[in-house]
């Protein structure tokens, strides 16, 4: 068990808990914290979470597991006095949201899955995650992630050309991660199960978002998620890569407001 999760919070209304991508932090949700709370009838209480090991949350001593992260979120809801919430995750955050849906289904009022996938890693992907885990620990540096993932495949080609400052910002966020936390998260993701079957039982309003230039979890992965979820809508965002909430925040936020409007 780690200490209480570090959270950035804004607004009031429908609870919306946002889980960040690997290897970033809750800082990636600044636009959502600024823009989603509003007077338009879909006001939200936005809670952007630092998953354990990232941002202001300690890593703790538990073995790598997305289930551990999902249970951390349930404890956060308890501490915040929230019975049910819309849970949203991008990339790794989506994996955690799917684990939460499997372990704590009664606490969901809605589900947002962005630039993520429901299938387990292939053997090749697991091998690559372990390569990265060992390398960052051996070098005591996460520079490898910046070199291998920016601008592509984390960001779309349109974003890299249009907004080079965003490339620098994402590199800054990656640089804040510790090697131990990066290795822990890689091993947790490598061990995750297939979630598509369990998502068929998640009968709450759901939204699947994907950038049309996402090279890591492309459109067919999003289509499979939307097909599995009984109440899903699929939104494909033009000109966005894997970090769609950062690349096209206005379009992303508009889609999320549509989900919030569907919540009882």
C-alpha atoms as a PDB file:
ATOM      1  CA  UNK A   1       0.000   0.000   0.000  1.00  0.00           C
ATOM      2  CA  UNK A   2       1.298   3.426  -0.935  1.00  0.00           C
ATOM      3  CA  UNK A   3       0.433   6.713   0.710  1.00  0.00           C
ATOM      4  CA  UNK A   4      -2.633   8.587  -0.514  1.00  0.00           C
ATOM      5  CA  UNK A   5      -2.479   9.455  -4.192  1.00  0.00           C
ATOM      6  CA  UNK A   6      -1.475  12.969  -5.169  1.00  0.00           C
ATOM      7  CA  UNK A   7      -4.398  14.635  -6.960  1.00  0.00           C
ATOM      8  CA  UNK A   8      -5.057  17.885  -8.806  1.00  0.00           C
ATOM      9  CA  UNK A   9      -8.713  18.903  -8.506  1.00  0.00           C
ATOM     10  CA  UNK A  10     -11.031  21.517 -10.009  1.00  0.00           C
ATOM     11  CA  UNK A  11     -14.752  22.155 -10.212  1.00  0.00           C
ATOM     12  CA  UNK A  12     -17.835  20.545  -8.747  1.00  0.00           C
ATOM     13  CA  UNK A  13     -20.556  18.314 -10.114  1.00  0.00           C
ATOM     14  CA  UNK A  14     -20.186  14.927 -11.774  1.00  0.00           C
ATOM     15  CA  UNK A  15     -16.966  13.313 -10.484  1.00  0.00           C
ATOM     16  CA  UNK A  16     -14.517  12.704 -13.357  1.00  0.00           C
ATOM     17  CA  UNK A  17     -11.297  10.928 -12.382  1.00  0.00           C
ATOM     18  CA  UNK A  18      -8.514  11.149 -14.986  1.00  0.00           C
ATOM     19  CA  UNK A  19      -5.600   8.701 -15.139  1.00  0.00           C
ATOM     20  CA  UNK A  20      -2.478   9.694 -17.024  1.00  0.00           C
ATOM     21  CA  UNK A  21      -0.425   8.039 -19.725  1.00  0.00           C
ATOM     22  CA  UNK A  22       2.960   6.355 -19.231  1.00  0.00           C
ATOM     23  CA  UNK A  23       5.407   7.803 -18.276  1.00  0.00           C
ATOM     24  CA  UNK A  24       3.754  11.167 -17.583  1.00  0.00           C
ATOM     25  CA  UNK A  25       1.803  12.513 -14.579  1.00  0.00           C
ATOM     26  CA  UNK A  26      -1.380  14.393 -13.738  1.00  0.00           C
ATOM     27  CA  UNK A  27       0.250  17.476 -15.274  1.00  0.00           C
ATOM     28  CA  UNK A  28      -0.863  16.163 -18.674  1.00  0.00           C
ATOM     29  CA  UNK A  29      -4.485  16.986 -17.739  1.00  0.00           C
ATOM     30  CA  UNK A  30      -4.029  20.758 -17.225  1.00  0.00           C
ATOM     31  CA  UNK A  31      -6.339  21.639 -20.114  1.00  0.00           C
ATOM     32  CA  UNK A  32      -9.042  19.327 -18.788  1.00  0.00           C
ATOM     33  CA  UNK A  33      -8.730  20.786 -15.282  1.00  0.00           C
ATOM     34  CA  UNK A  34      -9.029  24.287 -16.740  1.00  0.00           C
ATOM     35  CA  UNK A  35     -11.797  23.704 -19.263  1.00  0.00           C
ATOM     36  CA  UNK A  36     -14.117  20.853 -18.228  1.00  0.00           C
ATOM     37  CA  UNK A  37     -15.513  22.492 -15.084  1.00  0.00           C
ATOM     38  CA  UNK A  38     -17.971  24.977 -16.538  1.00  0.00           C
ATOM     39  CA  UNK A  39     -21.468  26.475 -16.456  1.00  0.00           C
ATOM     40  CA  UNK A  40     -22.842  24.617 -19.487  1.00  0.00           C
ATOM     41  CA  UNK A  41     -24.873  21.969 -17.674  1.00  0.00           C
ATOM     42  CA  UNK A  42     -22.128  19.327 -17.844  1.00  0.00           C
ATOM     43  CA  UNK A  43     -20.140  20.694 -14.914  1.00  0.00           C
ATOM     44  CA  UNK A  44     -17.601  18.228 -13.583  1.00  0.00           C
ATOM     45  CA  UNK A  45     -15.551  17.728 -10.473  1.00  0.00           C
ATOM     46  CA  UNK A  46     -12.290  16.829 -12.208  1.00  0.00           C
ATOM     47  CA  UNK A  47      -9.699  14.870 -10.246  1.00  0.00           C
ATOM     48  CA  UNK A  48      -6.416  14.305 -12.096  1.00  0.00           C
ATOM     49  CA  UNK A  49      -4.477  11.554 -10.340  1.00  0.00           C
ATOM     50  CA  UNK A  50      -0.751  10.908 -10.073  1.00  0.00           C
ATOM     51  CA  UNK A  51      -0.574   7.121 -10.267  1.00  0.00           C
ATOM     52  CA  UNK A  52       1.896   5.562  -7.858  1.00  0.00           C
ATOM     53  CA  UNK A  53       5.493   6.369  -8.653  1.00  0.00           C
ATOM     54  CA  UNK A  54       4.614   9.388 -10.806  1.00  0.00           C
ATOM     55  CA  UNK A  55       4.166  13.056 -10.004  1.00  0.00           C
ATOM     56  CA  UNK A  56       3.662  13.506  -6.285  1.00  0.00           C
ATOM     57  CA  UNK A  57       2.749   9.898  -5.430  1.00  0.00           C
ATOM     58  CA  UNK A  58       5.273   7.537  -3.878  1.00  0.00           C
ATOM     59  CA  UNK A  59       5.946   4.189  -5.576  1.00  0.00           C
ATOM     60  CA  UNK A  60       5.515   2.044  -2.478  1.00  0.00           C
ATOM     61  CA  UNK A  61       6.658  -1.547  -2.046  1.00  0.00           C
ATOM     62  CA  UNK A  62       3.981  -3.565  -3.874  1.00  0.00           C
ATOM     63  CA  UNK A  63       4.901  -5.833  -6.775  1.00  0.00           C
ATOM     64  CA  UNK A  64       4.101  -4.405 -10.234  1.00  0.00           C
ATOM     65  CA  UNK A  65       0.388  -4.764 -11.018  1.00  0.00           C
ATOM     66  CA  UNK A  66      -2.282  -2.655 -12.653  1.00  0.00           C
ATOM     67  CA  UNK A  67      -4.722  -4.151 -10.149  1.00  0.00           C
ATOM     68  CA  UNK A  68      -2.772  -2.377  -7.408  1.00  0.00           C
ATOM     69  CA  UNK A  69      -3.210   0.919  -9.261  1.00  0.00           C
ATOM     70  CA  UNK A  70      -6.932   0.252  -9.714  1.00  0.00           C
ATOM     71  CA  UNK A  71      -7.339  -0.424  -6.004  1.00  0.00           C
ATOM     72  CA  UNK A  72      -5.436   2.798  -5.251  1.00  0.00           C
ATOM     73  CA  UNK A  73      -8.103   4.670  -7.233  1.00  0.00           C
ATOM     74  CA  UNK A  74     -10.892   2.985  -5.247  1.00  0.00           C
ATOM     75  CA  UNK A  75      -9.224   4.141  -2.028  1.00  0.00           C
ATOM     76  CA  UNK A  76      -8.958   7.645  -3.485  1.00  0.00           C
ATOM     77  CA  UNK A  77     -12.720   7.663  -4.128  1.00  0.00           C
ATOM     78  CA  UNK A  78     -13.291   6.619  -0.526  1.00  0.00           C
ATOM     79  CA  UNK A  79     -11.068   9.428   0.747  1.00  0.00           C
ATOM     80  CA  UNK A  80     -12.796  11.973  -1.509  1.00  0.00           C
ATOM     81  CA  UNK A  81     -16.279  10.891  -0.435  1.00  0.00           C
ATOM     82  CA  UNK A  82     -17.196   9.748  -3.942  1.00  0.00           C
ATOM     83  CA  UNK A  83     -19.425   6.705  -4.348  1.00  0.00           C
ATOM     84  CA  UNK A  84     -19.450   6.506  -8.173  1.00  0.00           C
ATOM     85  CA  UNK A  85     -17.404   8.377 -10.759  1.00  0.00           C
ATOM     86  CA  UNK A  86     -16.748   8.659 -14.448  1.00  0.00           C
ATOM     87  CA  UNK A  87     -13.310   7.104 -14.783  1.00  0.00           C
ATOM     88  CA  UNK A  88     -11.130   8.175 -17.663  1.00  0.00           C
ATOM     89  CA  UNK A  89      -7.702   6.980 -18.691  1.00  0.00           C
ATOM     90  CA  UNK A  90      -5.357   7.565 -21.597  1.00  0.00           C
ATOM     91  CA  UNK A  91      -2.885   4.862 -22.685  1.00  0.00           C
ATOM     92  CA  UNK A  92      -1.604   3.303 -19.430  1.00  0.00           C
ATOM     93  CA  UNK A  93      -4.348   5.191 -17.627  1.00  0.00           C
ATOM     94  CA  UNK A  94      -6.821   3.357 -19.826  1.00  0.00           C
ATOM     95  CA  UNK A  95      -5.345   0.026 -18.771  1.00  0.00           C
ATOM     96  CA  UNK A  96      -5.830   1.054 -15.142  1.00  0.00           C
ATOM     97  CA  UNK A  97      -9.402   2.167 -15.860  1.00  0.00           C
ATOM     98  CA  UNK A  98     -10.159  -1.241 -17.382  1.00  0.00           C
ATOM     99  CA  UNK A  99      -8.689  -2.973 -14.324  1.00  0.00           C
ATOM    100  CA  UNK A 100     -10.855  -0.744 -12.128  1.00  0.00           C
ATOM    101  CA  UNK A 101     -13.951  -1.631 -14.166  1.00  0.00           C
ATOM    102  CA  UNK A 102     -13.181  -5.308 -13.622  1.00  0.00           C
ATOM    103  CA  UNK A 103     -12.487  -4.998  -9.884  1.00  0.00           C
ATOM    104  CA  UNK A 104     -14.882  -2.218  -8.824  1.00  0.00           C
ATOM    105  CA  UNK A 105     -17.721  -2.181 -11.384  1.00  0.00           C
ATOM    106  CA  UNK A 106     -20.305  -0.778  -8.980  1.00  0.00           C
ATOM    107  CA  UNK A 107     -18.309   2.423  -8.576  1.00  0.00           C
ATOM    108  CA  UNK A 108     -18.475   3.462 -12.235  1.00  0.00           C
ATOM    109  CA  UNK A 109     -21.019   5.977 -13.492  1.00  0.00           C
ATOM    110  CA  UNK A 110     -19.227   6.224 -16.837  1.00  0.00           C
ATOM    111  CA  UNK A 111     -16.025   5.163 -18.602  1.00  0.00           C
ATOM    112  CA  UNK A 112     -13.648   7.087 -20.855  1.00  0.00           C
ATOM    113  CA  UNK A 113     -10.923   5.152 -22.682  1.00  0.00           C
ATOM    114  CA  UNK A 114      -8.542   7.249 -24.789  1.00  0.00           C
ATOM    115  CA  UNK A 115      -5.721   6.044 -27.017  1.00  0.00           C
ATOM    116  CA  UNK A 116      -5.532   2.644 -25.360  1.00  0.00           C
ATOM    117  CA  UNK A 117      -6.402  -0.978 -26.150  1.00  0.00           C
ATOM    118  CA  UNK A 118      -8.178  -3.901 -24.562  1.00  0.00           C
ATOM    119  CA  UNK A 119      -5.881  -6.696 -25.659  1.00  0.00           C
ATOM    120  CA  UNK A 120      -2.927  -8.051 -23.686  1.00  0.00           C
ATOM    121  CA  UNK A 121       0.644  -7.470 -24.824  1.00  0.00           C
ATOM    122  CA  UNK A 122       2.150  -9.728 -27.442  1.00  0.00           C
ATOM    123  CA  UNK A 123       5.299 -11.601 -26.492  1.00  0.00           C
ATOM    124  CA  UNK A 124       7.284  -9.075 -28.550  1.00  0.00           C
ATOM    125  CA  UNK A 125       5.745  -6.174 -26.644  1.00  0.00           C
ATOM    126  CA  UNK A 126       6.421  -7.799 -23.279  1.00  0.00           C
ATOM    127  CA  UNK A 127      10.041  -8.411 -24.257  1.00  0.00           C
ATOM    128  CA  UNK A 128      10.402  -4.769 -25.250  1.00  0.00           C
ATOM    129  CA  UNK A 129       8.906  -3.559 -21.968  1.00  0.00           C
ATOM    130  CA  UNK A 130      11.406  -5.654 -20.021  1.00  0.00           C
ATOM    131  CA  UNK A 131      14.247  -4.306 -22.199  1.00  0.00           C
ATOM    132  CA  UNK A 132      13.223  -0.754 -21.287  1.00  0.00           C
ATOM    133  CA  UNK A 133      12.766  -1.600 -17.596  1.00  0.00           C
ATOM    134  CA  UNK A 134      16.245  -3.099 -17.352  1.00  0.00           C
ATOM    135  CA  UNK A 135      17.842  -0.292 -19.361  1.00  0.00           C
ATOM    136  CA  UNK A 136      16.451   2.611 -17.322  1.00  0.00           C
ATOM    137  CA  UNK A 137      17.434   0.895 -14.080  1.00  0.00           C
ATOM    138  CA  UNK A 138      20.933   0.072 -15.318  1.00  0.00           C
ATOM    139  CA  UNK A 139      21.503   3.627 -16.557  1.00  0.00           C
ATOM    140  CA  UNK A 140      19.613   5.284 -13.680  1.00  0.00           C
ATOM    141  CA  UNK A 141      18.065   7.499 -16.340  1.00  0.00           C
ATOM    142  CA  UNK A 142      14.831   7.703 -18.352  1.00  0.00           C
ATOM    143  CA  UNK A 143      16.502   9.508 -21.259  1.00  0.00           C
ATOM    144  CA  UNK A 144      16.001   6.345 -23.330  1.00  0.00           C
ATOM    145  CA  UNK A 145      12.248   7.017 -23.373  1.00  0.00           C
ATOM    146  CA  UNK A 146      12.677  10.534 -24.699  1.00  0.00           C
ATOM    147  CA  UNK A 147      15.047   9.332 -27.408  1.00  0.00           C
ATOM    148  CA  UNK A 148      12.851   6.415 -28.502  1.00  0.00           C
ATOM    149  CA  UNK A 149       9.360   7.913 -28.197  1.00  0.00           C
ATOM    150  CA  UNK A 150       9.528  11.620 -29.104  1.00  0.00           C
ATOM    151  CA  UNK A 151       8.157  13.008 -31.222  1.00  0.00           C
ATOM    152  CA  UNK A 152       7.061   9.676 -32.660  1.00  0.00           C
ATOM    153  CA  UNK A 153       5.444   7.404 -31.725  1.00  0.00           C
ATOM    154  CA  UNK A 154       3.988   9.333 -28.764  1.00  0.00           C
ATOM    155  CA  UNK A 155       2.915  12.352 -30.794  1.00  0.00           C
ATOM    156  CA  UNK A 156       1.336  12.495 -34.237  1.00  0.00           C
ATOM    157  CA  UNK A 157       3.166  13.934 -37.204  1.00  0.00           C
ATOM    158  CA  UNK A 158       0.723  16.833 -37.441  1.00  0.00           C
ATOM    159  CA  UNK A 159       1.411  17.806 -33.833  1.00  0.00           C
ATOM    160  CA  UNK A 160       5.179  17.531 -34.210  1.00  0.00           C
ATOM    161  CA  UNK A 161       5.077  19.994 -37.124  1.00  0.00           C
ATOM    162  CA  UNK A 162       2.421  22.322 -35.707  1.00  0.00           C
ATOM    163  CA  UNK A 163       3.516  22.526 -32.089  1.00  0.00           C
ATOM    164  CA  UNK A 164       7.190  21.811 -31.392  1.00  0.00           C
ATOM    165  CA  UNK A 165       6.767  23.332 -27.913  1.00  0.00           C
ATOM    166  CA  UNK A 166       4.483  20.420 -27.050  1.00  0.00           C
ATOM    167  CA  UNK A 167       7.293  17.999 -27.938  1.00  0.00           C
ATOM    168  CA  UNK A 168       9.498  19.835 -25.445  1.00  0.00           C
ATOM    169  CA  UNK A 169       6.734  19.791 -22.810  1.00  0.00           C
ATOM    170  CA  UNK A 170       6.202  16.047 -23.106  1.00  0.00           C
ATOM    171  CA  UNK A 171       9.962  15.513 -22.889  1.00  0.00           C
ATOM    172  CA  UNK A 172       9.916  17.557 -19.673  1.00  0.00           C
ATOM    173  CA  UNK A 173       7.126  15.403 -18.216  1.00  0.00           C
ATOM    174  CA  UNK A 174       8.956  12.193 -19.108  1.00  0.00           C
ATOM    175  CA  UNK A 175      12.138  13.544 -17.558  1.00  0.00           C
ATOM    176  CA  UNK A 176      10.371  13.937 -14.204  1.00  0.00           C
ATOM    177  CA  UNK A 177       9.734  10.171 -13.958  1.00  0.00           C
ATOM    178  CA  UNK A 178      12.062   8.021 -11.866  1.00  0.00           C
ATOM    179  CA  UNK A 179      13.753   4.959 -13.384  1.00  0.00           C
ATOM    180  CA  UNK A 180      12.291   2.745 -10.629  1.00  0.00           C
ATOM    181  CA  UNK A 181       8.756   3.922 -11.386  1.00  0.00           C
ATOM    182  CA  UNK A 182       9.222   3.529 -15.140  1.00  0.00           C
ATOM    183  CA  UNK A 183      10.454  -0.044 -14.689  1.00  0.00           C
ATOM    184  CA  UNK A 184       7.599  -0.859 -12.262  1.00  0.00           C
ATOM    185  CA  UNK A 185       4.973   0.478 -14.655  1.00  0.00           C
ATOM    186  CA  UNK A 186       6.447  -1.338 -17.665  1.00  0.00           C
ATOM    187  CA  UNK A 187       6.334  -4.626 -15.796  1.00  0.00           C
ATOM    188  CA  UNK A 188       2.785  -3.961 -14.565  1.00  0.00           C
ATOM    189  CA  UNK A 189       1.589  -3.265 -18.119  1.00  0.00           C
ATOM    190  CA  UNK A 190       3.373  -6.336 -19.471  1.00  0.00           C
ATOM    191  CA  UNK A 191       1.446  -8.557 -17.040  1.00  0.00           C
ATOM    192  CA  UNK A 192      -2.020  -7.174 -17.760  1.00  0.00           C
ATOM    193  CA  UNK A 193      -4.724  -9.547 -19.056  1.00  0.00           C
ATOM    194  CA  UNK A 194      -6.972  -9.138 -22.059  1.00  0.00           C
ATOM    195  CA  UNK A 195      -9.876  -6.883 -21.021  1.00  0.00           C
ATOM    196  CA  UNK A 196     -12.258  -7.104 -23.983  1.00  0.00           C
ATOM    197  CA  UNK A 197     -14.436  -9.864 -22.512  1.00  0.00           C
ATOM    198  CA  UNK A 198     -14.790  -8.158 -19.141  1.00  0.00           C
ATOM    199  CA  UNK A 199     -15.715  -4.854 -20.807  1.00  0.00           C
ATOM    200  CA  UNK A 200     -18.864  -6.475 -22.231  1.00  0.00           C
ATOM    201  CA  UNK A 201     -20.300  -6.336 -18.698  1.00  0.00           C
ATOM    202  CA  UNK A 202     -19.547  -2.616 -18.226  1.00  0.00           C
ATOM    203  CA  UNK A 203     -23.043  -1.297 -18.930  1.00  0.00           C
ATOM    204  CA  UNK A 204     -22.547   2.424 -18.251  1.00  0.00           C
ATOM    205  CA  UNK A 205     -22.207   5.352 -20.669  1.00  0.00           C
ATOM    206  CA  UNK A 206     -18.784   5.021 -22.288  1.00  0.00           C
ATOM    207  CA  UNK A 207     -16.641   6.994 -24.671  1.00  0.00           C
ATOM    208  CA  UNK A 208     -13.680   5.701 -26.667  1.00  0.00           C
ATOM    209  CA  UNK A 209     -11.379   8.383 -28.094  1.00  0.00           C
ATOM    210  CA  UNK A 210      -8.471   7.872 -30.478  1.00  0.00           C
ATOM    211  CA  UNK A 211      -6.274  10.141 -32.542  1.00  0.00           C
ATOM    212  CA  UNK A 212      -6.350   9.259 -36.218  1.00  0.00           C
ATOM    213  CA  UNK A 213      -2.527   9.412 -36.242  1.00  0.00           C
ATOM    214  CA  UNK A 214      -2.085   7.223 -33.136  1.00  0.00           C
ATOM    215  CA  UNK A 215       0.676   4.765 -34.041  1.00  0.00           C
ATOM    216  CA  UNK A 216       0.806   2.973 -30.664  1.00  0.00           C
ATOM    217  CA  UNK A 217      -2.889   2.120 -30.205  1.00  0.00           C
ATOM    218  CA  UNK A 218      -4.377   2.862 -33.623  1.00  0.00           C
ATOM    219  CA  UNK A 219      -8.005   3.212 -34.682  1.00  0.00           C
ATOM    220  CA  UNK A 220      -8.717  -0.556 -34.959  1.00  0.00           C
ATOM    221  CA  UNK A 221      -7.836  -0.939 -31.249  1.00  0.00           C
ATOM    222  CA  UNK A 222     -10.340   1.795 -30.397  1.00  0.00           C
ATOM    223  CA  UNK A 223     -12.975   0.187 -32.597  1.00  0.00           C
ATOM    224  CA  UNK A 224     -12.536  -3.100 -30.725  1.00  0.00           C
ATOM    225  CA  UNK A 225     -13.028  -1.322 -27.394  1.00  0.00           C
ATOM    226  CA  UNK A 226     -16.147   0.441 -28.616  1.00  0.00           C
ATOM    227  CA  UNK A 227     -17.557  -2.828 -29.956  1.00  0.00           C
ATOM    228  CA  UNK A 228     -17.058  -4.516 -26.574  1.00  0.00           C
ATOM    229  CA  UNK A 229     -18.683  -1.804 -24.436  1.00  0.00           C
ATOM    230  CA  UNK A 230     -22.516  -1.927 -24.446  1.00  0.00           C
ATOM    231  CA  UNK A 231     -23.002   1.859 -24.297  1.00  0.00           C
ATOM    232  CA  UNK A 232     -19.896   3.125 -26.095  1.00  0.00           C
ATOM    233  CA  UNK A 233     -19.553   5.968 -28.535  1.00  0.00           C
ATOM    234  CA  UNK A 234     -16.376   6.216 -30.625  1.00  0.00           C
ATOM    235  CA  UNK A 235     -14.732   9.554 -31.402  1.00  0.00           C
ATOM    236  CA  UNK A 236     -11.786   9.728 -33.814  1.00  0.00           C
ATOM    237  CA  UNK A 237      -9.848  12.981 -33.501  1.00  0.00           C
ATOM    238  CA  UNK A 238      -8.201  14.252 -36.715  1.00  0.00           C
ATOM    239  CA  UNK A 239      -4.602  15.389 -36.539  1.00  0.00           C
ATOM    240  CA  UNK A 240      -3.887  13.750 -33.189  1.00  0.00           C
ATOM    241  CA  UNK A 241      -1.473  10.991 -32.240  1.00  0.00           C
ATOM    242  CA  UNK A 242      -1.241   8.934 -29.057  1.00  0.00           C
ATOM    243  CA  UNK A 243      -1.522  11.826 -26.589  1.00  0.00           C
ATOM    244  CA  UNK A 244      -4.756  13.233 -27.978  1.00  0.00           C
ATOM    245  CA  UNK A 245      -5.771  15.149 -24.837  1.00  0.00           C
ATOM    246  CA  UNK A 246      -2.561  17.188 -25.138  1.00  0.00           C
ATOM    247  CA  UNK A 247      -2.460  17.409 -28.933  1.00  0.00           C
ATOM    248  CA  UNK A 248      -6.036  18.537 -29.630  1.00  0.00           C
ATOM    249  CA  UNK A 249      -7.396  19.507 -26.200  1.00  0.00           C
ATOM    250  CA  UNK A 250     -10.410  21.448 -27.446  1.00  0.00           C
ATOM    251  CA  UNK A 251     -11.705  18.546 -29.524  1.00  0.00           C
ATOM    252  CA  UNK A 252     -10.909  16.100 -26.730  1.00  0.00           C
ATOM    253  CA  UNK A 253     -12.770  18.189 -24.160  1.00  0.00           C
ATOM    254  CA  UNK A 254     -15.788  18.571 -26.433  1.00  0.00           C
ATOM    255  CA  UNK A 255     -16.031  14.785 -26.714  1.00  0.00           C
ATOM    256  CA  UNK A 256     -15.734  14.378 -22.920  1.00  0.00           C
ATOM    257  CA  UNK A 257     -18.512  16.927 -22.366  1.00  0.00           C
ATOM    258  CA  UNK A 258     -20.691  14.753 -24.580  1.00  0.00           C
ATOM    259  CA  UNK A 259     -20.000  11.801 -22.295  1.00  0.00           C
ATOM    260  CA  UNK A 260     -20.729  13.842 -19.161  1.00  0.00           C
ATOM    261  CA  UNK A 261     -24.088  14.880 -20.629  1.00  0.00           C
ATOM    262  CA  UNK A 262     -25.034  11.187 -20.844  1.00  0.00           C
ATOM    263  CA  UNK A 263     -24.366  10.461 -17.152  1.00  0.00           C
ATOM    264  CA  UNK A 264     -27.422  10.106 -14.899  1.00  0.00           C
END
